[in-house]
Amino acid sequence: MCLPCTILFPTVIHVYVMFLAQVIGCHAKPFNKTVPTGLFPYQYPDDNGESCTCHYDVEHYCIATCASNIRYHEVRFQYGKGTTIVSCSAGNSVLGCNIFLHDAPSDSTECYTWSVKDAHSCECYSGTEMGATCYALCGQII
């Protein structure tokens, strides 16, 4: 069972997974639906896949998406500048992707993205000087 948590601007919060579920995605959502996206949000799992860390420059919810039917669950991550690709171990598939920016974009021309590249890897891009850590949440659904 995963529960969304809330926090007031502008701090970082952690959401912990309850029972035997593993994190398959971390998400930050602003309280106010009219807030523009791209206000230096980041959300990523901890190394063992039991919690999420979220940050958003406005008041927000931090949501952990979880599942209890995952075998060989793992969190893979890689730091890089520009494009970074993180792959799952052999036999595992991507369940979710996330990013942690090591510095805030200094202007609107610096972009960052993260997405599923294929069934076994995530791709992240950071145009910021300090780069980013790209996360792949992996496993086998049973």
Protein backbone atom coordinates (compact mmCIF):
# COMPACT_ATOMS: atom_id res chain seq x y z
CA MET A 1 0.00 0.00 0.00
CA CYS A 2 1.43 3.37 -1.01
CA LEU A 3 0.08 6.64 0.28
CA PRO A 4 0.71 10.12 -1.15
CA CYS A 5 2.26 12.57 1.26
CA THR A 6 2.16 16.36 1.18
CA ILE A 7 4.63 19.04 2.12
CA LEU A 8 4.73 22.81 1.92
CA PHE A 9 7.04 24.72 -0.41
CA PRO A 10 10.02 24.65 -0.84
CA THR A 11 11.41 21.61 0.97
CA VAL A 12 12.28 18.07 -0.04
CA ILE A 13 10.17 15.20 1.29
CA HIS A 14 10.38 11.44 1.44
CA VAL A 15 7.56 8.94 0.99
CA TYR A 16 8.09 5.51 2.52
CA VAL A 17 6.52 2.38 1.12
CA MET A 18 4.48 0.27 3.51
CA PHE A 19 4.33 -3.53 3.77
CA LEU A 20 6.05 -5.66 1.12
CA ALA A 21 5.58 -3.39 -1.90
CA GLN A 22 8.40 -2.03 -4.02
CA VAL A 23 8.55 1.41 -5.64
CA ILE A 24 8.02 1.35 -9.40
CA GLY A 25 7.72 5.13 -9.83
CA CYS A 26 8.06 8.45 -7.96
CA HIS A 27 5.98 11.50 -8.86
CA ALA A 28 5.63 15.11 -7.68
CA LYS A 29 2.35 16.90 -8.35
CA PRO A 30 1.61 20.54 -7.46
CA PHE A 31 -1.45 21.25 -5.28
CA ASN A 32 -2.55 24.02 -7.65
CA LYS A 33 -3.49 22.64 -11.07
CA THR A 34 -2.79 25.99 -12.75
CA VAL A 35 0.92 25.98 -11.80
CA PRO A 36 3.09 25.59 -14.92
CA THR A 37 5.20 22.46 -15.14
CA GLY A 38 8.98 22.62 -15.30
CA LEU A 39 9.59 24.51 -12.06
CA PHE A 40 12.67 22.39 -11.24
CA PRO A 41 10.81 19.30 -10.14
CA TYR A 42 12.64 16.09 -9.37
CA GLN A 43 11.59 12.82 -7.90
CA TYR A 44 13.61 9.66 -7.52
CA PRO A 45 13.71 6.39 -5.54
CA ASP A 46 16.18 5.57 -2.80
CA ASP A 47 18.82 2.97 -3.62
CA ASN A 48 16.84 0.03 -2.21
CA GLY A 49 13.50 1.02 -3.79
CA GLU A 50 11.62 1.46 -0.53
CA SER A 51 10.97 5.21 -0.65
CA CYS A 52 10.82 8.26 -2.93
CA THR A 53 12.32 11.71 -2.58
CA CYS A 54 10.45 14.56 -4.25
CA HIS A 55 11.11 18.25 -4.73
CA TYR A 56 9.02 20.87 -6.49
CA ASP A 57 9.37 24.64 -6.25
CA VAL A 58 5.73 24.91 -5.20
CA GLU A 59 3.51 23.16 -2.63
CA HIS A 60 3.14 19.60 -3.85
CA TYR A 61 2.17 16.01 -3.30
CA CYS A 62 4.87 13.34 -3.37
CA ILE A 63 3.47 10.07 -4.72
CA ALA A 64 5.12 6.65 -4.74
CA THR A 65 3.65 4.16 -7.22
CA CYS A 66 4.15 0.68 -5.84
CA ALA A 67 3.53 -3.00 -6.56
CA SER A 68 3.89 -6.13 -4.45
CA ASN A 69 4.16 -8.57 -7.35
CA ILE A 70 7.68 -7.71 -8.51
CA ARG A 71 10.45 -10.30 -8.61
CA TYR A 72 14.14 -9.27 -8.79
CA HIS A 73 13.29 -5.62 -8.05
CA GLU A 74 16.26 -3.31 -8.43
CA VAL A 75 17.07 0.39 -8.63
CA ARG A 76 19.80 1.11 -11.17
CA PHE A 77 21.30 4.59 -11.53
CA GLN A 78 24.03 6.43 -13.38
CA TYR A 79 25.34 9.99 -13.13
CA GLY A 80 26.09 11.90 -16.32
CA LYS A 81 26.00 15.16 -18.26
CA GLY A 82 24.02 15.43 -21.45
CA THR A 83 22.40 12.10 -22.36
CA THR A 84 22.68 9.25 -19.84
CA ILE A 85 21.30 5.73 -20.35
CA VAL A 86 20.69 3.30 -17.48
CA SER A 87 19.99 -0.36 -18.21
CA CYS A 88 18.36 -3.06 -16.12
CA SER A 89 20.15 -6.28 -15.26
CA ALA A 90 19.71 -9.16 -17.72
CA GLY A 91 16.20 -10.60 -17.54
CA ASN A 92 14.64 -7.51 -15.92
CA SER A 93 12.37 -4.94 -17.59
CA VAL A 94 11.94 -1.22 -16.93
CA LEU A 95 9.05 -0.46 -14.57
CA GLY A 96 9.75 3.28 -14.24
CA CYS A 97 12.32 6.03 -14.80
CA ASN A 98 13.26 9.09 -12.74
CA ILE A 99 15.88 11.84 -12.56
CA PHE A 100 17.74 13.88 -9.93
CA LEU A 101 19.22 17.17 -11.17
CA HIS A 102 22.39 18.15 -9.34
CA ASP A 103 21.66 21.84 -9.87
CA ALA A 104 18.66 23.88 -10.94
CA PRO A 105 18.51 25.06 -14.54
CA SER A 106 19.79 28.65 -14.57
CA ASP A 107 17.46 29.73 -17.36
CA SER A 108 14.69 28.46 -19.57
CA THR A 109 17.10 27.34 -22.32
CA GLU A 110 18.50 24.52 -20.18
CA CYS A 111 16.29 21.49 -20.44
CA TYR A 112 16.06 18.09 -18.79
CA THR A 113 14.02 15.01 -19.58
CA TRP A 114 13.67 11.39 -18.56
CA SER A 115 11.82 8.56 -20.25
CA VAL A 116 11.73 4.85 -20.99
CA LYS A 117 14.22 4.27 -23.84
CA ASP A 118 13.19 0.66 -24.49
CA ALA A 119 11.94 -2.35 -22.54
CA HIS A 120 15.23 -2.62 -20.63
CA SER A 121 16.57 0.93 -20.17
CA CYS A 122 15.84 4.55 -19.28
CA GLU A 123 17.26 7.64 -20.95
CA CYS A 124 17.78 10.99 -19.23
CA TYR A 125 19.05 14.29 -20.51
CA SER A 126 20.41 17.19 -18.50
CA GLY A 127 21.51 20.45 -20.09
CA THR A 128 22.68 21.76 -16.70
CA GLU A 129 26.34 22.25 -15.84
CA MET A 130 26.33 19.84 -12.89
CA GLY A 131 24.54 17.00 -14.70
CA ALA A 132 22.00 14.56 -13.32
CA THR A 133 21.56 11.06 -11.96
CA CYS A 134 19.29 8.90 -14.10
CA TYR A 135 17.27 6.13 -12.40
CA ALA A 136 15.76 2.93 -13.80
CA LEU A 137 13.36 0.95 -11.59
CA CYS A 138 13.53 -2.62 -12.83
CA GLY A 139 12.16 -6.07 -12.17
CA GLN A 140 9.88 -8.84 -13.36
CA ILE A 141 6.13 -8.68 -12.85
CA ILE A 142 4.86 -12.01 -11.50
